[in-house]
């Protein structure tokens, strides 16, 4: 059985916010440093880097809609 929708929405928000912080640290700091050391440049725009950016922008947009626009409920969960 699932908890109440408000509890699930709050849990989803906290999970995405925490994951967004870790993902930002991983993508921006660690991977850029690895790319600079191994390839001699920060970005090569290969498939992995492009999709990591798409995932990061999606999470940033979701957090922005939740915090700034105040969207909640089924619309944001969809």
PDB file of N, CA and C in Angstrom:
ATOM      1  N   UNK A   1       0.839  -1.176   0.000  1.00  0.00           N
ATOM      2  CA  UNK A   1       0.000   0.000   0.000  1.00  0.00           C
ATOM      3  C   UNK A   1       0.887   1.244   0.000  1.00  0.00           C
ATOM      4  N   UNK A   2       0.466   2.205  -0.774  1.00  0.00           N
ATOM      5  CA  UNK A   2       1.204   3.459  -0.872  1.00  0.00           C
ATOM      6  C   UNK A   2       0.713   4.457   0.172  1.00  0.00           C
ATOM      7  N   UNK A   3       1.600   5.340   0.627  1.00  0.00           N
ATOM      8  CA  UNK A   3       1.167   6.384   1.552  1.00  0.00           C
ATOM      9  C   UNK A   3       0.290   7.427   0.843  1.00  0.00           C
ATOM     10  N   UNK A   4      -0.156   8.392   1.598  1.00  0.00           N
ATOM     11  CA  UNK A   4      -1.002   9.460   1.075  1.00  0.00           C
ATOM     12  C   UNK A   4      -0.233  10.242   0.004  1.00  0.00           C
ATOM     13  N   UNK A   5      -0.963  10.835  -0.938  1.00  0.00           N
ATOM     14  CA  UNK A   5      -0.342  11.529  -2.072  1.00  0.00           C
ATOM     15  C   UNK A   5       0.562  12.667  -1.614  1.00  0.00           C
ATOM     16  N   UNK A   6       0.197  13.387  -0.556  1.00  0.00           N
ATOM     17  CA  UNK A   6       1.031  14.488  -0.075  1.00  0.00           C
ATOM     18  C   UNK A   6       2.374  13.981   0.437  1.00  0.00           C
ATOM     19  N   UNK A   7       2.348  12.833   1.102  1.00  0.00           N
ATOM     20  CA  UNK A   7       3.592  12.246   1.616  1.00  0.00           C
ATOM     21  C   UNK A   7       4.472  11.791   0.449  1.00  0.00           C
ATOM     22  N   UNK A   8       3.858  11.182  -0.562  1.00  0.00           N
ATOM     23  CA  UNK A   8       4.629  10.763  -1.729  1.00  0.00           C
ATOM     24  C   UNK A   8       5.223  11.961  -2.466  1.00  0.00           C
ATOM     25  N   UNK A   9       4.456  13.036  -2.593  1.00  0.00           N
ATOM     26  CA  UNK A   9       4.962  14.235  -3.251  1.00  0.00           C
ATOM     27  C   UNK A   9       6.130  14.844  -2.508  1.00  0.00           C
ATOM     28  N   UNK A  10       6.025  14.873  -1.178  1.00  0.00           N
ATOM     29  CA  UNK A  10       7.119  15.414  -0.373  1.00  0.00           C
ATOM     30  C   UNK A  10       8.356  14.521  -0.453  1.00  0.00           C
ATOM     31  N   UNK A  11       8.146  13.223  -0.426  1.00  0.00           N
ATOM     32  CA  UNK A  11       9.267  12.283  -0.545  1.00  0.00           C
ATOM     33  C   UNK A  11       9.935  12.398  -1.918  1.00  0.00           C
ATOM     34  N   UNK A  12       9.125  12.539  -2.963  1.00  0.00           N
ATOM     35  CA  UNK A  12       9.663  12.700  -4.306  1.00  0.00           C
ATOM     36  C   UNK A  12      10.494  13.982  -4.399  1.00  0.00           C
ATOM     37  N   UNK A  13      10.007  15.065  -3.817  1.00  0.00           N
ATOM     38  CA  UNK A  13      10.734  16.334  -3.843  1.00  0.00           C
ATOM     39  C   UNK A  13      12.071  16.221  -3.116  1.00  0.00           C
ATOM     40  N   UNK A  14      12.065  15.636  -1.940  1.00  0.00           N
ATOM     41  CA  UNK A  14      13.306  15.497  -1.175  1.00  0.00           C
ATOM     42  C   UNK A  14      14.308  14.593  -1.887  1.00  0.00           C
ATOM     43  N   UNK A  15      13.821  13.529  -2.503  1.00  0.00           N
ATOM     44  CA  UNK A  15      14.701  12.604  -3.210  1.00  0.00           C
ATOM     45  C   UNK A  15      15.345  13.266  -4.421  1.00  0.00           C
ATOM     46  N   UNK A  16      14.537  13.981  -5.204  1.00  0.00           N
ATOM     47  CA  UNK A  16      15.071  14.649  -6.391  1.00  0.00           C
ATOM     48  C   UNK A  16      16.015  15.777  -5.995  1.00  0.00           C
ATOM     49  N   UNK A  17      15.693  16.529  -4.939  1.00  0.00           N
ATOM     50  CA  UNK A  17      16.569  17.617  -4.503  1.00  0.00           C
ATOM     51  C   UNK A  17      17.919  17.077  -4.027  1.00  0.00           C
ATOM     52  N   UNK A  18      17.912  15.992  -3.278  1.00  0.00           N
ATOM     53  CA  UNK A  18      19.163  15.391  -2.803  1.00  0.00           C
ATOM     54  C   UNK A  18      19.950  14.815  -3.975  1.00  0.00           C
ATOM     55  N   UNK A  19      19.279  14.086  -4.860  1.00  0.00           N
ATOM     56  CA  UNK A  19      19.935  13.515  -6.025  1.00  0.00           C
ATOM     57  C   UNK A  19      20.475  14.582  -6.961  1.00  0.00           C
ATOM     58  N   UNK A  20      19.772  15.710  -7.062  1.00  0.00           N
ATOM     59  CA  UNK A  20      20.216  16.805  -7.918  1.00  0.00           C
ATOM     60  C   UNK A  20      21.545  17.369  -7.417  1.00  0.00           C
ATOM     61  N   UNK A  21      21.687  17.496  -6.116  1.00  0.00           N
ATOM     62  CA  UNK A  21      22.947  17.977  -5.553  1.00  0.00           C
ATOM     63  C   UNK A  21      24.104  17.039  -5.830  1.00  0.00           C
ATOM     64  N   UNK A  22      23.877  15.748  -5.611  1.00  0.00           N
ATOM     65  CA  UNK A  22      24.929  14.774  -5.874  1.00  0.00           C
ATOM     66  C   UNK A  22      25.245  14.685  -7.366  1.00  0.00           C
ATOM     67  N   UNK A  23      24.218  14.715  -8.202  1.00  0.00           N
ATOM     68  CA  UNK A  23      24.419  14.630  -9.651  1.00  0.00           C
ATOM     69  C   UNK A  23      25.159  15.858 -10.165  1.00  0.00           C
ATOM     70  N   UNK A  24      24.847  17.020  -9.613  1.00  0.00           N
ATOM     71  CA  UNK A  24      25.547  18.241 -10.002  1.00  0.00           C
ATOM     72  C   UNK A  24      27.025  18.139  -9.650  1.00  0.00           C
ATOM     73  N   UNK A  25      27.308  17.693  -8.449  1.00  0.00           N
ATOM     74  CA  UNK A  25      28.697  17.534  -8.024  1.00  0.00           C
ATOM     75  C   UNK A  25      29.415  16.540  -8.925  1.00  0.00           C
ATOM     76  N   UNK A  26      28.774  15.428  -9.200  1.00  0.00           N
ATOM     77  CA  UNK A  26      29.402  14.403 -10.032  1.00  0.00           C
ATOM     78  C   UNK A  26      29.654  14.912 -11.446  1.00  0.00           C
ATOM     79  N   UNK A  27      28.639  15.503 -12.060  1.00  0.00           N
ATOM     80  CA  UNK A  27      28.767  15.927 -13.463  1.00  0.00           C
ATOM     81  C   UNK A  27      29.688  17.116 -13.626  1.00  0.00           C
ATOM     82  N   UNK A  28      29.490  18.120 -12.806  1.00  0.00           N
ATOM     83  CA  UNK A  28      30.229  19.349 -13.033  1.00  0.00           C
ATOM     84  C   UNK A  28      31.663  19.296 -12.534  1.00  0.00           C
ATOM     85  N   UNK A  29      31.883  18.697 -11.422  1.00  0.00           N
ATOM     86  CA  UNK A  29      33.216  18.727 -10.844  1.00  0.00           C
ATOM     87  C   UNK A  29      34.046  17.502 -11.207  1.00  0.00           C
ATOM     88  N   UNK A  30      33.528  16.341 -10.943  1.00  0.00           N
ATOM     89  CA  UNK A  30      34.321  15.131 -11.129  1.00  0.00           C
ATOM     90  C   UNK A  30      34.522  14.821 -12.610  1.00  0.00           C
ATOM     91  N   UNK A  31      33.420  14.794 -13.386  1.00  0.00           N
ATOM     92  CA  UNK A  31      33.547  14.430 -14.797  1.00  0.00           C
ATOM     93  C   UNK A  31      34.308  15.473 -15.603  1.00  0.00           C
ATOM     94  N   UNK A  32      34.132  16.750 -15.289  1.00  0.00           N
ATOM     95  CA  UNK A  32      34.894  17.776 -16.005  1.00  0.00           C
ATOM     96  C   UNK A  32      36.382  17.645 -15.708  1.00  0.00           C
ATOM     97  N   UNK A  33      36.711  17.327 -14.477  1.00  0.00           N
ATOM     98  CA  UNK A  33      38.116  17.146 -14.127  1.00  0.00           C
ATOM     99  C   UNK A  33      38.687  15.907 -14.818  1.00  0.00           C
ATOM    100  N   UNK A  34      37.920  14.831 -14.855  1.00  0.00           N
ATOM    101  CA  UNK A  34      38.370  13.617 -15.533  1.00  0.00           C
ATOM    102  C   UNK A  34      38.540  13.883 -17.026  1.00  0.00           C
ATOM    103  N   UNK A  35      37.583  14.585 -17.634  1.00  0.00           N
ATOM    104  CA  UNK A  35      37.684  14.900 -19.052  1.00  0.00           C
ATOM    105  C   UNK A  35      38.869  15.800 -19.356  1.00  0.00           C
ATOM    106  N   UNK A  36      39.119  16.759 -18.481  1.00  0.00           N
ATOM    107  CA  UNK A  36      40.253  17.657 -18.690  1.00  0.00           C
ATOM    108  C   UNK A  36      41.571  16.898 -18.599  1.00  0.00           C
ATOM    109  N   UNK A  37      41.645  15.991 -17.652  1.00  0.00           N
ATOM    110  CA  UNK A  37      42.897  15.250 -17.483  1.00  0.00           C
ATOM    111  C   UNK A  37      43.127  14.217 -18.583  1.00  0.00           C
ATOM    112  N   UNK A  38      42.060  13.531 -19.006  1.00  0.00           N
ATOM    113  CA  UNK A  38      42.257  12.458 -19.975  1.00  0.00           C
ATOM    114  C   UNK A  38      42.197  12.940 -21.421  1.00  0.00           C
ATOM    115  N   UNK A  39      41.318  13.899 -21.725  1.00  0.00           N
ATOM    116  CA  UNK A  39      41.152  14.346 -23.102  1.00  0.00           C
ATOM    117  C   UNK A  39      41.845  15.672 -23.390  1.00  0.00           C
ATOM    118  N   UNK A  40      42.176  16.399 -22.348  1.00  0.00           N
ATOM    119  CA  UNK A  40      42.797  17.689 -22.545  1.00  0.00           C
ATOM    120  C   UNK A  40      41.800  18.825 -22.731  1.00  0.00           C
ATOM    121  N   UNK A  41      40.505  18.518 -22.639  1.00  0.00           N
ATOM    122  CA  UNK A  41      39.470  19.543 -22.739  1.00  0.00           C
ATOM    123  C   UNK A  41      38.315  19.160 -21.813  1.00  0.00           C
ATOM    124  N   UNK A  42      37.478  20.135 -21.472  1.00  0.00           N
ATOM    125  CA  UNK A  42      36.409  19.872 -20.519  1.00  0.00           C
ATOM    126  C   UNK A  42      35.261  19.074 -21.127  1.00  0.00           C
ATOM    127  N   UNK A  43      34.773  19.494 -22.276  1.00  0.00           N
ATOM    128  CA  UNK A  43      33.624  18.823 -22.876  1.00  0.00           C
ATOM    129  C   UNK A  43      33.947  18.383 -24.286  1.00  0.00           C
ATOM    130  N   UNK A  44      33.513  17.181 -24.640  1.00  0.00           N
ATOM    131  CA  UNK A  44      33.641  16.716 -26.017  1.00  0.00           C
ATOM    132  C   UNK A  44      32.276  16.501 -26.649  1.00  0.00           C
ATOM    133  N   UNK A  45      31.205  16.711 -25.892  1.00  0.00           N
ATOM    134  CA  UNK A  45      29.819  16.582 -26.347  1.00  0.00           C
ATOM    135  C   UNK A  45      29.534  15.214 -26.954  1.00  0.00           C
ATOM    136  N   UNK A  46      30.019  14.177 -26.298  1.00  0.00           N
ATOM    137  CA  UNK A  46      29.648  12.847 -26.735  1.00  0.00           C
ATOM    138  C   UNK A  46      28.270  12.499 -26.159  1.00  0.00           C
ATOM    139  N   UNK A  47      27.789  11.324 -26.439  1.00  0.00           N
ATOM    140  CA  UNK A  47      26.434  10.934 -26.053  1.00  0.00           C
ATOM    141  C   UNK A  47      26.237  10.940 -24.547  1.00  0.00           C
ATOM    142  N   UNK A  48      27.211  10.447 -23.812  1.00  0.00           N
ATOM    143  CA  UNK A  48      27.084  10.385 -22.354  1.00  0.00           C
ATOM    144  C   UNK A  48      26.986  11.780 -21.758  1.00  0.00           C
ATOM    145  N   UNK A  49      27.797  12.683 -22.207  1.00  0.00           N
ATOM    146  CA  UNK A  49      27.767  14.047 -21.673  1.00  0.00           C
ATOM    147  C   UNK A  49      26.481  14.771 -22.052  1.00  0.00           C
ATOM    148  N   UNK A  50      26.016  14.550 -23.276  1.00  0.00           N
ATOM    149  CA  UNK A  50      24.791  15.205 -23.724  1.00  0.00           C
ATOM    150  C   UNK A  50      23.588  14.727 -22.918  1.00  0.00           C
ATOM    151  N   UNK A  51      23.468  13.433 -22.710  1.00  0.00           N
ATOM    152  CA  UNK A  51      22.330  12.923 -21.943  1.00  0.00           C
ATOM    153  C   UNK A  51      22.446  13.262 -20.462  1.00  0.00           C
ATOM    154  N   UNK A  52      23.648  13.360 -19.934  1.00  0.00           N
ATOM    155  CA  UNK A  52      23.800  13.816 -18.556  1.00  0.00           C
ATOM    156  C   UNK A  52      23.302  15.248 -18.415  1.00  0.00           C
ATOM    157  N   UNK A  53      23.571  16.094 -19.406  1.00  0.00           N
ATOM    158  CA  UNK A  53      23.057  17.461 -19.391  1.00  0.00           C
ATOM    159  C   UNK A  53      21.539  17.483 -19.486  1.00  0.00           C
ATOM    160  N   UNK A  54      20.957  16.629 -20.333  1.00  0.00           N
ATOM    161  CA  UNK A  54      19.502  16.570 -20.464  1.00  0.00           C
ATOM    162  C   UNK A  54      18.858  16.144 -19.153  1.00  0.00           C
ATOM    163  N   UNK A  55      19.420  15.147 -18.489  1.00  0.00           N
ATOM    164  CA  UNK A  55      18.886  14.696 -17.196  1.00  0.00           C
ATOM    165  C   UNK A  55      19.016  15.801 -16.155  1.00  0.00           C
ATOM    166  N   UNK A  56      20.155  16.484 -16.133  1.00  0.00           N
ATOM    167  CA  UNK A  56      20.370  17.571 -15.177  1.00  0.00           C
ATOM    168  C   UNK A  56      19.371  18.709 -15.406  1.00  0.00           C
ATOM    169  N   UNK A  57      19.146  19.096 -16.663  1.00  0.00           N
ATOM    170  CA  UNK A  57      18.188  20.157 -16.972  1.00  0.00           C
ATOM    171  C   UNK A  57      16.761  19.752 -16.625  1.00  0.00           C
ATOM    172  N   UNK A  58      16.425  18.482 -16.812  1.00  0.00           N
ATOM    173  CA  UNK A  58      15.095  17.992 -16.453  1.00  0.00           C
ATOM    174  C   UNK A  58      14.871  18.094 -14.945  1.00  0.00           C
ATOM    175  N   UNK A  59      15.834  17.674 -14.156  1.00  0.00           N
ATOM    176  CA  UNK A  59      15.700  17.761 -12.696  1.00  0.00           C
ATOM    177  C   UNK A  59      15.667  19.216 -12.246  1.00  0.00           C
ATOM    178  N   UNK A  60      16.466  20.072 -12.873  1.00  0.00           N
ATOM    179  CA  UNK A  60      16.460  21.498 -12.519  1.00  0.00           C
ATOM    180  C   UNK A  60      15.110  22.121 -12.845  1.00  0.00           C
ATOM    181  N   UNK A  61      14.532  21.774 -13.980  1.00  0.00           N
ATOM    182  CA  UNK A  61      13.210  22.299 -14.338  1.00  0.00           C
ATOM    183  C   UNK A  61      12.149  21.812 -13.373  1.00  0.00           C
ATOM    184  N   UNK A  62      12.220  20.537 -12.981  1.00  0.00           N
ATOM    185  CA  UNK A  62      11.242  19.995 -12.033  1.00  0.00           C
ATOM    186  C   UNK A  62      11.330  20.722 -10.691  1.00  0.00           C
ATOM    187  N   UNK A  63      12.541  20.894 -10.185  1.00  0.00           N
ATOM    188  CA  UNK A  63      12.706  21.596  -8.910  1.00  0.00           C
ATOM    189  C   UNK A  63      12.263  23.047  -9.027  1.00  0.00           C
ATOM    190  N   UNK A  64      12.536  23.681 -10.152  1.00  0.00           N
ATOM    191  CA  UNK A  64      12.128  25.070 -10.356  1.00  0.00           C
ATOM    192  C   UNK A  64      10.603  25.190 -10.355  1.00  0.00           C
ATOM    193  N   UNK A  65       9.932  24.274 -11.052  1.00  0.00           N
ATOM    194  CA  UNK A  65       8.464  24.319 -11.081  1.00  0.00           C
ATOM    195  C   UNK A  65       7.878  24.099  -9.701  1.00  0.00           C
ATOM    196  N   UNK A  66       8.489  23.232  -8.936  1.00  0.00           N
ATOM    197  CA  UNK A  66       7.958  22.941  -7.596  1.00  0.00           C
ATOM    198  C   UNK A  66       8.198  24.108  -6.643  1.00  0.00           C
ATOM    199  N   UNK A  67       9.401  24.677  -6.658  1.00  0.00           N
ATOM    200  CA  UNK A  67       9.734  25.708  -5.671  1.00  0.00           C
ATOM    201  C   UNK A  67       9.260  27.096  -6.085  1.00  0.00           C
ATOM    202  N   UNK A  68       9.415  27.475  -7.331  1.00  0.00           N
ATOM    203  CA  UNK A  68       9.083  28.826  -7.769  1.00  0.00           C
ATOM    204  C   UNK A  68       7.618  28.940  -8.172  1.00  0.00           C
ATOM    205  N   UNK A  69       7.141  28.031  -8.991  1.00  0.00           N
ATOM    206  CA  UNK A  69       5.775  28.091  -9.483  1.00  0.00           C
ATOM    207  C   UNK A  69       4.764  27.537  -8.484  1.00  0.00           C
ATOM    208  N   UNK A  70       5.217  26.729  -7.542  1.00  0.00           N
ATOM    209  CA  UNK A  70       4.315  26.166  -6.542  1.00  0.00           C
ATOM    210  C   UNK A  70       3.453  25.026  -7.050  1.00  0.00           C
ATOM    211  N   UNK A  71       3.876  24.378  -8.130  1.00  0.00           N
ATOM    212  CA  UNK A  71       3.098  23.256  -8.652  1.00  0.00           C
ATOM    213  C   UNK A  71       3.210  22.064  -7.720  1.00  0.00           C
ATOM    214  N   UNK A  72       2.096  21.402  -7.526  1.00  0.00           N
ATOM    215  CA  UNK A  72       2.052  20.224  -6.669  1.00  0.00           C
ATOM    216  C   UNK A  72       0.997  19.271  -7.236  1.00  0.00           C
ATOM    217  N   UNK A  73       0.955  18.093  -6.692  1.00  0.00           N
ATOM    218  CA  UNK A  73      -0.105  17.165  -7.039  1.00  0.00           C
ATOM    219  C   UNK A  73       0.122  16.403  -8.333  1.00  0.00           C
ATOM    220  N   UNK A  74      -0.994  15.939  -8.935  1.00  0.00           N
ATOM    221  CA  UNK A  74      -0.896  15.063 -10.102  1.00  0.00           C
ATOM    222  C   UNK A  74      -0.204  15.685 -11.312  1.00  0.00           C
ATOM    223  N   UNK A  75      -0.378  16.990 -11.508  1.00  0.00           N
ATOM    224  CA  UNK A  75       0.249  17.649 -12.659  1.00  0.00           C
ATOM    225  C   UNK A  75       1.765  17.536 -12.609  1.00  0.00           C
ATOM    226  N   UNK A  76       2.343  17.797 -11.465  1.00  0.00           N
ATOM    227  CA  UNK A  76       3.796  17.713 -11.330  1.00  0.00           C
ATOM    228  C   UNK A  76       4.267  16.261 -11.289  1.00  0.00           C
ATOM    229  N   UNK A  77       3.466  15.386 -10.710  1.00  0.00           N
ATOM    230  CA  UNK A  77       3.839  13.978 -10.646  1.00  0.00           C
ATOM    231  C   UNK A  77       3.818  13.331 -12.026  1.00  0.00           C
ATOM    232  N   UNK A  78       2.945  13.812 -12.894  1.00  0.00           N
ATOM    233  CA  UNK A  78       2.869  13.261 -14.242  1.00  0.00           C
ATOM    234  C   UNK A  78       4.129  13.570 -14.982  1.00  0.00           C
TER     235      UNK A  78
END
